[in-house]
Amino acid sequence: MKQLILPFLFLILFTSSCATQKMLDQYSGTSIVFGDGGGFTGLVNEYKLTTDGRIILLKNMTGDTVTVATLNKKATANIYSKLKESGIDTLSFNHPGNKYYFIGKEKNNKTAKIVWGNRDYAVPQPVEDLYTLLISNINN
């Protein structure tokens, strides 16, 4: 009996991580992609906010996904409203620095994305405010 416990736990962990990735792969709605990267390690932290309020961390080393937060409908609608107000769809802004930040809108496998971090180029304030709001929902 004890010999079956370890394989059973492994099976549960394996199927739950695959299910999350499968759900994300099948998600066809609009999502907000955001995060940061670079610096000493070059590691990228990428998150997705779906229209149903899930904030999902995409682990770049393993390809796994983990839901790190779930927002209520009002908070999600507020963020998507701010996304529209920020004008990300029409902005062309690609000025990364050693440490960079990004935010974008993903729909139908197309992404409108802006990247900043170079101190010589200031990101538009509505974009920075939206990014701060998104990050604050992860840290709460």
N, C-alpha and C. Protein backbone atom coordinates (compact mmCIF):
# COMPACT_ATOMS: atom_id res chain seq x y z
N MET A 1 0.81 -1.19 0.00
CA MET A 1 0.00 0.00 0.00
C MET A 1 0.86 1.26 0.00
N LYS A 2 1.91 1.27 0.81
CA LYS A 2 2.79 2.44 0.88
C LYS A 2 3.48 2.68 -0.45
N GLN A 3 3.70 1.62 -1.22
CA GLN A 3 4.37 1.75 -2.51
C GLN A 3 3.49 2.46 -3.53
N LEU A 4 2.21 2.50 -3.33
CA LEU A 4 1.29 3.14 -4.27
C LEU A 4 1.11 4.63 -4.01
N ILE A 5 1.47 5.09 -2.83
CA ILE A 5 1.24 6.49 -2.48
C ILE A 5 2.07 7.43 -3.34
N LEU A 6 3.35 7.20 -3.50
CA LEU A 6 4.22 8.08 -4.27
C LEU A 6 3.78 8.16 -5.74
N PRO A 7 3.55 7.04 -6.42
CA PRO A 7 3.08 7.16 -7.81
C PRO A 7 1.72 7.87 -7.91
N PHE A 8 0.86 7.65 -6.94
CA PHE A 8 -0.45 8.30 -6.95
C PHE A 8 -0.29 9.81 -6.81
N LEU A 9 0.56 10.29 -5.90
CA LEU A 9 0.80 11.72 -5.73
C LEU A 9 1.39 12.33 -6.99
N PHE A 10 2.32 11.62 -7.60
CA PHE A 10 2.93 12.10 -8.84
C PHE A 10 1.87 12.25 -9.93
N LEU A 11 0.99 11.29 -10.03
CA LEU A 11 -0.08 11.33 -11.03
C LEU A 11 -0.99 12.52 -10.81
N ILE A 12 -1.34 12.80 -9.58
CA ILE A 12 -2.19 13.95 -9.27
C ILE A 12 -1.51 15.26 -9.65
N LEU A 13 -0.25 15.42 -9.28
CA LEU A 13 0.48 16.64 -9.63
C LEU A 13 0.61 16.80 -11.13
N PHE A 14 0.90 15.74 -11.83
CA PHE A 14 1.08 15.78 -13.27
C PHE A 14 -0.21 16.16 -13.98
N THR A 15 -1.30 15.55 -13.61
CA THR A 15 -2.57 15.82 -14.29
C THR A 15 -3.09 17.21 -13.97
N SER A 16 -2.86 17.71 -12.77
CA SER A 16 -3.35 19.05 -12.44
C SER A 16 -2.58 20.12 -13.19
N SER A 17 -1.28 19.97 -13.36
CA SER A 17 -0.51 20.97 -14.10
C SER A 17 -0.86 20.92 -15.58
N CYS A 18 -1.10 19.76 -16.12
CA CYS A 18 -1.50 19.64 -17.53
C CYS A 18 -2.87 20.25 -17.76
N ALA A 19 -3.76 20.07 -16.81
CA ALA A 19 -5.12 20.61 -16.95
C ALA A 19 -5.09 22.12 -17.00
N THR A 20 -4.28 22.76 -16.18
CA THR A 20 -4.18 24.21 -16.19
C THR A 20 -3.63 24.70 -17.51
N GLN A 21 -2.59 24.05 -18.02
CA GLN A 21 -2.01 24.45 -19.30
C GLN A 21 -3.02 24.23 -20.42
N LYS A 22 -3.75 23.14 -20.38
CA LYS A 22 -4.74 22.85 -21.41
C LYS A 22 -5.83 23.92 -21.40
N MET A 23 -6.30 24.32 -20.21
CA MET A 23 -7.32 25.36 -20.12
C MET A 23 -6.81 26.66 -20.71
N LEU A 24 -5.55 27.01 -20.44
CA LEU A 24 -4.99 28.24 -20.96
C LEU A 24 -4.84 28.16 -22.48
N ASP A 25 -4.41 27.00 -22.99
CA ASP A 25 -4.28 26.82 -24.43
C ASP A 25 -5.62 26.92 -25.14
N GLN A 26 -6.70 26.49 -24.48
CA GLN A 26 -8.01 26.52 -25.08
C GLN A 26 -8.72 27.85 -24.88
N TYR A 27 -8.17 28.73 -24.06
CA TYR A 27 -8.80 30.01 -23.78
C TYR A 27 -8.78 30.87 -25.05
N SER A 28 -9.94 31.32 -25.49
CA SER A 28 -10.00 32.04 -26.75
C SER A 28 -10.40 33.51 -26.58
N GLY A 29 -10.62 33.94 -25.37
CA GLY A 29 -11.03 35.33 -25.13
C GLY A 29 -9.84 36.27 -25.15
N THR A 30 -10.13 37.51 -24.86
CA THR A 30 -9.09 38.53 -24.76
C THR A 30 -8.38 38.36 -23.43
N SER A 31 -7.06 38.53 -23.45
CA SER A 31 -6.32 38.49 -22.20
C SER A 31 -5.28 39.61 -22.20
N ILE A 32 -4.91 40.01 -21.00
CA ILE A 32 -3.86 41.02 -20.82
C ILE A 32 -2.61 40.26 -20.41
N VAL A 33 -1.54 40.45 -21.17
CA VAL A 33 -0.26 39.82 -20.89
C VAL A 33 0.64 40.90 -20.31
N PHE A 34 1.29 40.61 -19.18
CA PHE A 34 2.15 41.61 -18.57
C PHE A 34 3.24 40.93 -17.76
N GLY A 35 4.28 41.69 -17.45
CA GLY A 35 5.35 41.15 -16.63
C GLY A 35 6.63 41.95 -16.76
N ASP A 36 7.72 41.30 -16.39
CA ASP A 36 9.03 41.93 -16.45
C ASP A 36 10.09 40.89 -16.74
N GLY A 37 11.27 41.37 -17.05
CA GLY A 37 12.37 40.45 -17.33
C GLY A 37 13.69 41.17 -17.35
N GLY A 38 14.73 40.40 -17.64
CA GLY A 38 16.07 40.96 -17.75
C GLY A 38 16.79 40.97 -16.43
N GLY A 39 17.63 41.99 -16.27
CA GLY A 39 18.42 42.09 -15.06
C GLY A 39 19.56 41.09 -15.05
N PHE A 40 20.07 40.80 -13.90
CA PHE A 40 21.22 39.91 -13.75
C PHE A 40 20.93 38.49 -14.23
N THR A 41 19.76 37.97 -13.89
CA THR A 41 19.44 36.58 -14.22
C THR A 41 18.85 36.42 -15.61
N GLY A 42 18.23 37.46 -16.15
CA GLY A 42 17.57 37.36 -17.43
C GLY A 42 16.24 36.65 -17.36
N LEU A 43 15.78 36.35 -16.16
CA LEU A 43 14.52 35.64 -15.95
C LEU A 43 13.34 36.52 -16.36
N VAL A 44 12.33 35.91 -16.96
CA VAL A 44 11.12 36.62 -17.36
C VAL A 44 9.95 36.15 -16.50
N ASN A 45 9.23 37.10 -15.92
CA ASN A 45 8.00 36.82 -15.17
C ASN A 45 6.85 37.27 -16.06
N GLU A 46 6.08 36.31 -16.57
CA GLU A 46 4.98 36.64 -17.47
C GLU A 46 3.67 36.18 -16.86
N TYR A 47 2.70 37.09 -16.87
CA TYR A 47 1.38 36.83 -16.32
C TYR A 47 0.33 37.09 -17.39
N LYS A 48 -0.82 36.44 -17.20
CA LYS A 48 -1.99 36.69 -18.06
C LYS A 48 -3.19 36.92 -17.18
N LEU A 49 -3.94 37.97 -17.50
CA LEU A 49 -5.23 38.20 -16.86
C LEU A 49 -6.30 37.88 -17.89
N THR A 50 -7.13 36.90 -17.60
CA THR A 50 -8.20 36.52 -18.51
C THR A 50 -9.46 37.31 -18.16
N THR A 51 -10.42 37.32 -19.07
CA THR A 51 -11.65 38.09 -18.83
C THR A 51 -12.49 37.51 -17.70
N ASP A 52 -12.22 36.26 -17.31
CA ASP A 52 -12.95 35.69 -16.17
C ASP A 52 -12.26 35.99 -14.84
N GLY A 53 -11.19 36.81 -14.87
CA GLY A 53 -10.56 37.29 -13.64
C GLY A 53 -9.37 36.49 -13.14
N ARG A 54 -8.98 35.43 -13.84
CA ARG A 54 -7.83 34.65 -13.39
C ARG A 54 -6.53 35.32 -13.81
N ILE A 55 -5.61 35.46 -12.87
CA ILE A 55 -4.25 35.91 -13.18
C ILE A 55 -3.38 34.67 -13.15
N ILE A 56 -2.78 34.37 -14.28
CA ILE A 56 -2.03 33.13 -14.45
C ILE A 56 -0.56 33.45 -14.67
N LEU A 57 0.30 32.80 -13.91
CA LEU A 57 1.75 32.92 -14.08
C LEU A 57 2.20 31.87 -15.08
N LEU A 58 2.92 32.30 -16.11
CA LEU A 58 3.48 31.39 -17.10
C LEU A 58 4.94 31.16 -16.73
N LYS A 59 5.27 29.96 -16.31
CA LYS A 59 6.64 29.66 -15.89
C LYS A 59 7.47 29.38 -17.14
N ASN A 60 8.41 30.29 -17.44
CA ASN A 60 9.14 30.18 -18.69
C ASN A 60 10.15 29.05 -18.71
N MET A 61 10.60 28.60 -17.57
CA MET A 61 11.59 27.52 -17.55
C MET A 61 10.94 26.16 -17.81
N THR A 62 9.74 25.96 -17.34
CA THR A 62 9.08 24.66 -17.47
C THR A 62 7.89 24.67 -18.41
N GLY A 63 7.37 25.86 -18.70
CA GLY A 63 6.17 25.95 -19.53
C GLY A 63 4.89 25.71 -18.76
N ASP A 64 4.99 25.51 -17.46
CA ASP A 64 3.81 25.29 -16.63
C ASP A 64 3.08 26.60 -16.39
N THR A 65 1.83 26.49 -15.97
CA THR A 65 1.04 27.65 -15.60
C THR A 65 0.46 27.44 -14.21
N VAL A 66 0.33 28.55 -13.49
CA VAL A 66 -0.24 28.51 -12.14
C VAL A 66 -1.15 29.73 -11.98
N THR A 67 -2.35 29.51 -11.51
CA THR A 67 -3.24 30.63 -11.20
C THR A 67 -2.78 31.21 -9.87
N VAL A 68 -2.37 32.50 -9.90
CA VAL A 68 -1.84 33.13 -8.70
C VAL A 68 -2.85 34.03 -7.99
N ALA A 69 -3.92 34.41 -8.72
CA ALA A 69 -4.96 35.24 -8.11
C ALA A 69 -6.21 35.14 -8.97
N THR A 70 -7.34 35.43 -8.34
CA THR A 70 -8.60 35.52 -9.07
C THR A 70 -9.30 36.79 -8.62
N LEU A 71 -9.62 37.64 -9.58
CA LEU A 71 -10.26 38.92 -9.29
C LEU A 71 -11.77 38.79 -9.46
N ASN A 72 -12.49 39.63 -8.75
CA ASN A 72 -13.94 39.63 -8.93
C ASN A 72 -14.30 40.32 -10.25
N LYS A 73 -15.56 40.22 -10.65
CA LYS A 73 -15.99 40.76 -11.94
C LYS A 73 -15.79 42.27 -12.04
N LYS A 74 -16.06 42.98 -10.96
CA LYS A 74 -15.93 44.44 -10.98
C LYS A 74 -14.48 44.86 -11.17
N ALA A 75 -13.56 44.24 -10.45
CA ALA A 75 -12.14 44.57 -10.58
C ALA A 75 -11.62 44.22 -11.97
N THR A 76 -12.06 43.09 -12.49
CA THR A 76 -11.63 42.67 -13.83
C THR A 76 -12.15 43.65 -14.88
N ALA A 77 -13.41 44.03 -14.78
CA ALA A 77 -13.99 44.98 -15.73
C ALA A 77 -13.28 46.33 -15.66
N ASN A 78 -12.91 46.77 -14.46
CA ASN A 78 -12.18 48.02 -14.27
C ASN A 78 -10.82 47.97 -14.99
N ILE A 79 -10.12 46.86 -14.85
CA ILE A 79 -8.80 46.72 -15.48
C ILE A 79 -8.94 46.71 -17.00
N TYR A 80 -9.91 45.98 -17.52
CA TYR A 80 -10.10 45.95 -18.97
C TYR A 80 -10.52 47.32 -19.51
N SER A 81 -11.24 48.09 -18.71
CA SER A 81 -11.60 49.45 -19.10
C SER A 81 -10.34 50.32 -19.18
N LYS A 82 -9.46 50.18 -18.20
CA LYS A 82 -8.21 50.93 -18.20
C LYS A 82 -7.30 50.49 -19.35
N LEU A 83 -7.37 49.22 -19.72
CA LEU A 83 -6.61 48.74 -20.88
C LEU A 83 -7.06 49.48 -22.13
N LYS A 84 -8.35 49.60 -22.31
CA LYS A 84 -8.89 50.29 -23.48
C LYS A 84 -8.46 51.76 -23.47
N GLU A 85 -8.55 52.41 -22.30
CA GLU A 85 -8.17 53.82 -22.15
C GLU A 85 -6.69 54.05 -22.41
N SER A 86 -5.85 53.05 -22.13
CA SER A 86 -4.40 53.21 -22.28
C SER A 86 -3.96 53.30 -23.74
N GLY A 87 -4.79 52.81 -24.66
CA GLY A 87 -4.45 52.88 -26.08
C GLY A 87 -3.38 51.90 -26.53
N ILE A 88 -3.20 50.82 -25.81
CA ILE A 88 -2.16 49.85 -26.15
C ILE A 88 -2.32 49.32 -27.58
N ASP A 89 -3.57 49.21 -28.03
CA ASP A 89 -3.81 48.71 -29.39
C ASP A 89 -3.14 49.56 -30.46
N THR A 90 -3.01 50.86 -30.20
CA THR A 90 -2.48 51.76 -31.22
C THR A 90 -1.06 52.25 -30.92
N LEU A 91 -0.55 51.98 -29.75
CA LEU A 91 0.80 52.44 -29.38
C LEU A 91 1.88 51.59 -30.04
N SER A 92 2.94 52.25 -30.43
CA SER A 92 4.13 51.56 -30.90
C SER A 92 5.26 52.02 -29.98
N PHE A 93 5.57 51.20 -28.98
CA PHE A 93 6.55 51.60 -27.96
C PHE A 93 7.38 50.39 -27.60
N ASN A 94 8.63 50.37 -28.01
CA ASN A 94 9.53 49.25 -27.75
C ASN A 94 10.89 49.79 -27.34
N HIS A 95 11.05 50.07 -26.05
CA HIS A 95 12.28 50.65 -25.52
C HIS A 95 12.71 49.91 -24.26
N PRO A 96 13.13 48.65 -24.41
CA PRO A 96 13.56 47.89 -23.23
C PRO A 96 14.90 48.40 -22.70
N GLY A 97 15.12 48.16 -21.43
CA GLY A 97 16.40 48.42 -20.82
C GLY A 97 16.97 47.09 -20.34
N ASN A 98 18.03 47.14 -19.54
CA ASN A 98 18.57 45.92 -18.97
C ASN A 98 17.48 45.18 -18.20
N LYS A 99 16.73 45.90 -17.39
CA LYS A 99 15.52 45.40 -16.73
C LYS A 99 14.36 46.02 -17.50
N TYR A 100 13.44 45.19 -17.98
CA TYR A 100 12.35 45.72 -18.79
C TYR A 100 11.00 45.24 -18.29
N TYR A 101 9.97 45.94 -18.72
CA TYR A 101 8.60 45.67 -18.33
C TYR A 101 7.77 45.61 -19.61
N PHE A 102 6.70 44.84 -19.60
CA PHE A 102 5.87 44.76 -20.78
C PHE A 102 4.41 44.57 -20.41
N ILE A 103 3.57 44.99 -21.31
CA ILE A 103 2.14 44.82 -21.16
C ILE A 103 1.55 44.76 -22.57
N GLY A 104 0.55 43.93 -22.72
CA GLY A 104 -0.06 43.81 -24.03
C GLY A 104 -1.45 43.21 -23.96
N LYS A 105 -2.13 43.28 -25.08
CA LYS A 105 -3.46 42.72 -25.23
C LYS A 105 -3.36 41.57 -26.22
N GLU A 106 -3.87 40.43 -25.81
CA GLU A 106 -3.81 39.24 -26.66
C GLU A 106 -5.23 38.81 -27.02
N LYS A 107 -5.49 38.67 -28.32
CA LYS A 107 -6.81 38.23 -28.77
C LYS A 107 -6.64 37.52 -30.11
N ASN A 108 -7.25 36.36 -30.22
CA ASN A 108 -7.19 35.56 -31.45
C ASN A 108 -5.75 35.30 -31.89
N ASN A 109 -4.89 34.96 -30.94
CA ASN A 109 -3.48 34.66 -31.18
C ASN A 109 -2.70 35.83 -31.75
N LYS A 110 -3.19 37.05 -31.57
CA LYS A 110 -2.48 38.26 -31.97
C LYS A 110 -2.24 39.10 -30.73
N THR A 111 -1.05 39.67 -30.62
CA THR A 111 -0.70 40.44 -29.44
C THR A 111 -0.25 41.84 -29.83
N ALA A 112 -0.85 42.84 -29.22
CA ALA A 112 -0.38 44.23 -29.30
C ALA A 112 0.36 44.46 -27.99
N LYS A 113 1.67 44.68 -28.06
CA LYS A 113 2.48 44.69 -26.85
C LYS A 113 3.44 45.87 -26.87
N ILE A 114 3.64 46.47 -25.69
CA ILE A 114 4.65 47.51 -25.56
C ILE A 114 5.65 47.09 -24.49
N VAL A 115 6.88 47.55 -24.67
CA VAL A 115 7.98 47.19 -23.77
C VAL A 115 8.72 48.47 -23.39
N TRP A 116 9.05 48.59 -22.10
CA TRP A 116 9.80 49.75 -21.65
C TRP A 116 10.80 49.37 -20.57
N GLY A 117 11.67 50.29 -20.27
CA GLY A 117 12.69 50.08 -19.25
C GLY A 117 13.89 50.99 -19.48
N ASN A 118 14.08 51.43 -20.73
CA ASN A 118 15.14 52.36 -21.05
C ASN A 118 14.79 53.72 -20.44
N ARG A 119 15.66 54.24 -19.60
CA ARG A 119 15.37 55.48 -18.87
C ARG A 119 15.28 56.70 -19.78
N ASP A 120 15.77 56.57 -21.00
CA ASP A 120 15.70 57.70 -21.93
C ASP A 120 14.32 57.85 -22.56
N TYR A 121 13.46 56.87 -22.39
CA TYR A 121 12.12 56.89 -22.98
C TYR A 121 11.08 56.62 -21.90
N ALA A 122 10.26 57.61 -21.64
CA ALA A 122 9.22 57.46 -20.61
C ALA A 122 8.00 56.78 -21.21
N VAL A 123 7.53 55.75 -20.53
CA VAL A 123 6.32 55.06 -20.96
C VAL A 123 5.13 55.98 -20.67
N PRO A 124 4.11 55.98 -21.52
CA PRO A 124 2.93 56.81 -21.25
C PRO A 124 2.33 56.49 -19.88
N GLN A 125 1.91 57.52 -19.18
CA GLN A 125 1.41 57.38 -17.80
C GLN A 125 0.24 56.40 -17.66
N PRO A 126 -0.75 56.40 -18.59
CA PRO A 126 -1.86 55.43 -18.44
C PRO A 126 -1.37 53.98 -18.50
N VAL A 127 -0.33 53.72 -19.26
CA VAL A 127 0.22 52.36 -19.36
C VAL A 127 0.92 51.99 -18.05
N GLU A 128 1.70 52.92 -17.52
CA GLU A 128 2.39 52.66 -16.25
C GLU A 128 1.38 52.45 -15.11
N ASP A 129 0.31 53.24 -15.11
CA ASP A 129 -0.72 53.09 -14.08
C ASP A 129 -1.41 51.73 -14.19
N LEU A 130 -1.70 51.30 -15.40
CA LEU A 130 -2.33 49.99 -15.62
C LEU A 130 -1.40 48.88 -15.15
N TYR A 131 -0.12 48.98 -15.48
CA TYR A 131 0.85 47.97 -15.06
C TYR A 131 0.92 47.90 -13.53
N THR A 132 0.97 49.04 -12.88
CA THR A 132 1.03 49.08 -11.42
C THR A 132 -0.21 48.43 -10.81
N LEU A 133 -1.37 48.71 -11.39
CA LEU A 133 -2.61 48.12 -10.91
C LEU A 133 -2.58 46.59 -11.05
N LEU A 134 -2.12 46.10 -12.20
CA LEU A 134 -2.04 44.67 -12.42
C LEU A 134 -1.10 43.99 -11.43
N ILE A 135 0.08 44.57 -11.26
CA ILE A 135 1.07 43.99 -10.33
C ILE A 135 0.54 44.01 -8.89
N SER A 136 -0.17 45.07 -8.52
CA SER A 136 -0.68 45.14 -7.15
C SER A 136 -1.71 44.04 -6.88
N ASN A 137 -2.39 43.57 -7.90
CA ASN A 137 -3.37 42.48 -7.71
C ASN A 137 -2.68 41.13 -7.53
N ILE A 138 -1.46 41.01 -7.98
CA ILE A 138 -0.70 39.78 -7.76
C ILE A 138 -0.16 39.75 -6.33
N ASN A 139 0.29 40.87 -5.87
CA ASN A 139 0.95 40.96 -4.56
C ASN A 139 -0.04 40.97 -3.40
N ASN A 140 -1.34 41.10 -3.69
CA ASN A 140 -2.34 41.11 -2.60
C ASN A 140 -2.84 39.73 -2.29
